[in-house]
């Protein structure tokens, strides 16, 4: 939690602008404060229950990418970024 608060302060952002992904109990404080909380498919049961989104992918198998893609699509930036690689 202190590290996340320091990063947000450095970036000039608030918790309402934060997304977090966690898979175990120590991640819960950050997830509970973030606007969007996600967990990989193989996260602990309590962490999955606290998440707004549980990815189809397991941790280490593309779960973070799944969350990033979702955020990029929701923000309308996905297509433009992808076009840069075409």
C-alpha atoms as a PDB file:
ATOM      1  CA  UNK A   1       0.000   0.000   0.000  1.00  0.00           C
ATOM      2  CA  UNK A   2       2.708   2.572   0.817  1.00  0.00           C
ATOM      3  CA  UNK A   3       4.476   1.886  -2.490  1.00  0.00           C
ATOM      4  CA  UNK A   4       1.227   2.315  -4.450  1.00  0.00           C
ATOM      5  CA  UNK A   5       0.452   5.553  -2.619  1.00  0.00           C
ATOM      6  CA  UNK A   6       3.941   6.858  -3.415  1.00  0.00           C
ATOM      7  CA  UNK A   7       3.576   6.009  -7.111  1.00  0.00           C
ATOM      8  CA  UNK A   8       0.169   7.678  -7.319  1.00  0.00           C
ATOM      9  CA  UNK A   9       1.520  10.785  -5.596  1.00  0.00           C
ATOM     10  CA  UNK A  10       4.517  10.917  -7.937  1.00  0.00           C
ATOM     11  CA  UNK A  11       2.199  10.694 -10.946  1.00  0.00           C
ATOM     12  CA  UNK A  12      -0.282  13.176  -9.504  1.00  0.00           C
ATOM     13  CA  UNK A  13      -3.091  10.617  -9.583  1.00  0.00           C
ATOM     14  CA  UNK A  14      -5.743   9.550  -7.113  1.00  0.00           C
ATOM     15  CA  UNK A  15      -7.158   6.157  -6.232  1.00  0.00           C
ATOM     16  CA  UNK A  16     -10.153   6.912  -8.464  1.00  0.00           C
ATOM     17  CA  UNK A  17      -7.712   6.789 -11.408  1.00  0.00           C
ATOM     18  CA  UNK A  18      -6.008   3.560 -10.355  1.00  0.00           C
ATOM     19  CA  UNK A  19      -6.401  -0.025 -11.503  1.00  0.00           C
ATOM     20  CA  UNK A  20      -4.831  -2.908  -9.655  1.00  0.00           C
ATOM     21  CA  UNK A  21      -4.378  -6.618 -10.137  1.00  0.00           C
ATOM     22  CA  UNK A  22      -3.651  -8.985  -7.304  1.00  0.00           C
ATOM     23  CA  UNK A  23      -3.597 -12.675  -6.561  1.00  0.00           C
ATOM     24  CA  UNK A  24      -3.111 -12.995  -2.797  1.00  0.00           C
ATOM     25  CA  UNK A  25      -4.130 -11.412   0.500  1.00  0.00           C
ATOM     26  CA  UNK A  26      -1.355  -8.764   0.622  1.00  0.00           C
ATOM     27  CA  UNK A  27      -2.822  -7.286  -2.593  1.00  0.00           C
ATOM     28  CA  UNK A  28      -6.257  -6.648  -1.075  1.00  0.00           C
ATOM     29  CA  UNK A  29      -5.582  -3.172   0.433  1.00  0.00           C
ATOM     30  CA  UNK A  30      -4.511  -1.775  -2.945  1.00  0.00           C
ATOM     31  CA  UNK A  31      -7.297  -3.565  -4.808  1.00  0.00           C
ATOM     32  CA  UNK A  32      -9.938  -2.249  -2.409  1.00  0.00           C
ATOM     33  CA  UNK A  33      -8.799   1.347  -2.909  1.00  0.00           C
ATOM     34  CA  UNK A  34      -8.446   1.179  -6.684  1.00  0.00           C
ATOM     35  CA  UNK A  35     -11.225   2.166  -9.054  1.00  0.00           C
ATOM     36  CA  UNK A  36     -10.807  -1.112 -10.935  1.00  0.00           C
ATOM     37  CA  UNK A  37      -9.635  -4.263  -9.175  1.00  0.00           C
ATOM     38  CA  UNK A  38      -8.755  -7.385 -11.130  1.00  0.00           C
ATOM     39  CA  UNK A  39      -7.536 -10.847 -10.262  1.00  0.00           C
ATOM     40  CA  UNK A  40      -6.127 -13.637 -12.419  1.00  0.00           C
ATOM     41  CA  UNK A  41      -8.092 -16.857 -12.713  1.00  0.00           C
ATOM     42  CA  UNK A  42      -5.778 -18.635 -10.268  1.00  0.00           C
ATOM     43  CA  UNK A  43      -5.895 -15.985  -7.519  1.00  0.00           C
ATOM     44  CA  UNK A  44      -6.886 -16.876  -3.969  1.00  0.00           C
ATOM     45  CA  UNK A  45     -10.654 -17.171  -3.502  1.00  0.00           C
ATOM     46  CA  UNK A  46     -10.901 -14.081  -1.269  1.00  0.00           C
ATOM     47  CA  UNK A  47      -9.008 -12.015  -3.821  1.00  0.00           C
ATOM     48  CA  UNK A  48     -11.230 -13.185  -6.692  1.00  0.00           C
ATOM     49  CA  UNK A  49     -14.260 -12.236  -4.586  1.00  0.00           C
ATOM     50  CA  UNK A  50     -12.896  -8.709  -4.039  1.00  0.00           C
ATOM     51  CA  UNK A  51     -12.159  -8.167  -7.746  1.00  0.00           C
ATOM     52  CA  UNK A  52     -14.408  -6.337 -10.185  1.00  0.00           C
ATOM     53  CA  UNK A  53     -12.913  -8.508 -12.920  1.00  0.00           C
ATOM     54  CA  UNK A  54     -11.463 -12.015 -12.844  1.00  0.00           C
ATOM     55  CA  UNK A  55      -9.482 -12.673 -15.991  1.00  0.00           C
ATOM     56  CA  UNK A  56      -9.830 -15.818 -18.035  1.00  0.00           C
ATOM     57  CA  UNK A  57      -6.041 -16.137 -18.079  1.00  0.00           C
ATOM     58  CA  UNK A  58      -4.062 -17.379 -15.110  1.00  0.00           C
ATOM     59  CA  UNK A  59      -1.269 -15.353 -13.547  1.00  0.00           C
ATOM     60  CA  UNK A  60       1.864 -15.702 -15.657  1.00  0.00           C
ATOM     61  CA  UNK A  61      -0.209 -16.728 -18.680  1.00  0.00           C
ATOM     62  CA  UNK A  62      -1.464 -13.359 -19.919  1.00  0.00           C
ATOM     63  CA  UNK A  63      -3.701 -12.124 -17.082  1.00  0.00           C
ATOM     64  CA  UNK A  64      -2.005  -8.715 -16.865  1.00  0.00           C
ATOM     65  CA  UNK A  65      -2.165  -8.352 -20.648  1.00  0.00           C
ATOM     66  CA  UNK A  66      -5.884  -9.179 -20.549  1.00  0.00           C
ATOM     67  CA  UNK A  67      -6.436  -6.343 -18.048  1.00  0.00           C
ATOM     68  CA  UNK A  68      -4.297  -3.903 -20.050  1.00  0.00           C
ATOM     69  CA  UNK A  69      -6.172  -4.716 -23.259  1.00  0.00           C
ATOM     70  CA  UNK A  70      -9.492  -4.159 -21.492  1.00  0.00           C
ATOM     71  CA  UNK A  71      -8.345  -0.759 -20.211  1.00  0.00           C
ATOM     72  CA  UNK A  72      -7.032   0.255 -23.639  1.00  0.00           C
ATOM     73  CA  UNK A  73     -10.277  -0.735 -25.359  1.00  0.00           C
ATOM     74  CA  UNK A  74     -12.358   1.078 -22.722  1.00  0.00           C
ATOM     75  CA  UNK A  75     -10.263   4.221 -23.152  1.00  0.00           C
ATOM     76  CA  UNK A  76     -10.568   4.105 -26.941  1.00  0.00           C
ATOM     77  CA  UNK A  77      -6.805   3.793 -27.435  1.00  0.00           C
ATOM     78  CA  UNK A  78      -6.473   0.138 -28.433  1.00  0.00           C
ATOM     79  CA  UNK A  79      -7.066   0.472 -32.197  1.00  0.00           C
ATOM     80  CA  UNK A  80      -4.702   3.442 -32.579  1.00  0.00           C
ATOM     81  CA  UNK A  81      -1.935   1.673 -30.692  1.00  0.00           C
ATOM     82  CA  UNK A  82      -2.407  -1.513 -32.681  1.00  0.00           C
ATOM     83  CA  UNK A  83      -2.332   0.457 -35.950  1.00  0.00           C
ATOM     84  CA  UNK A  84       1.155   1.615 -35.027  1.00  0.00           C
ATOM     85  CA  UNK A  85       2.348  -1.998 -35.397  1.00  0.00           C
ATOM     86  CA  UNK A  86       0.646  -2.735 -38.717  1.00  0.00           C
END
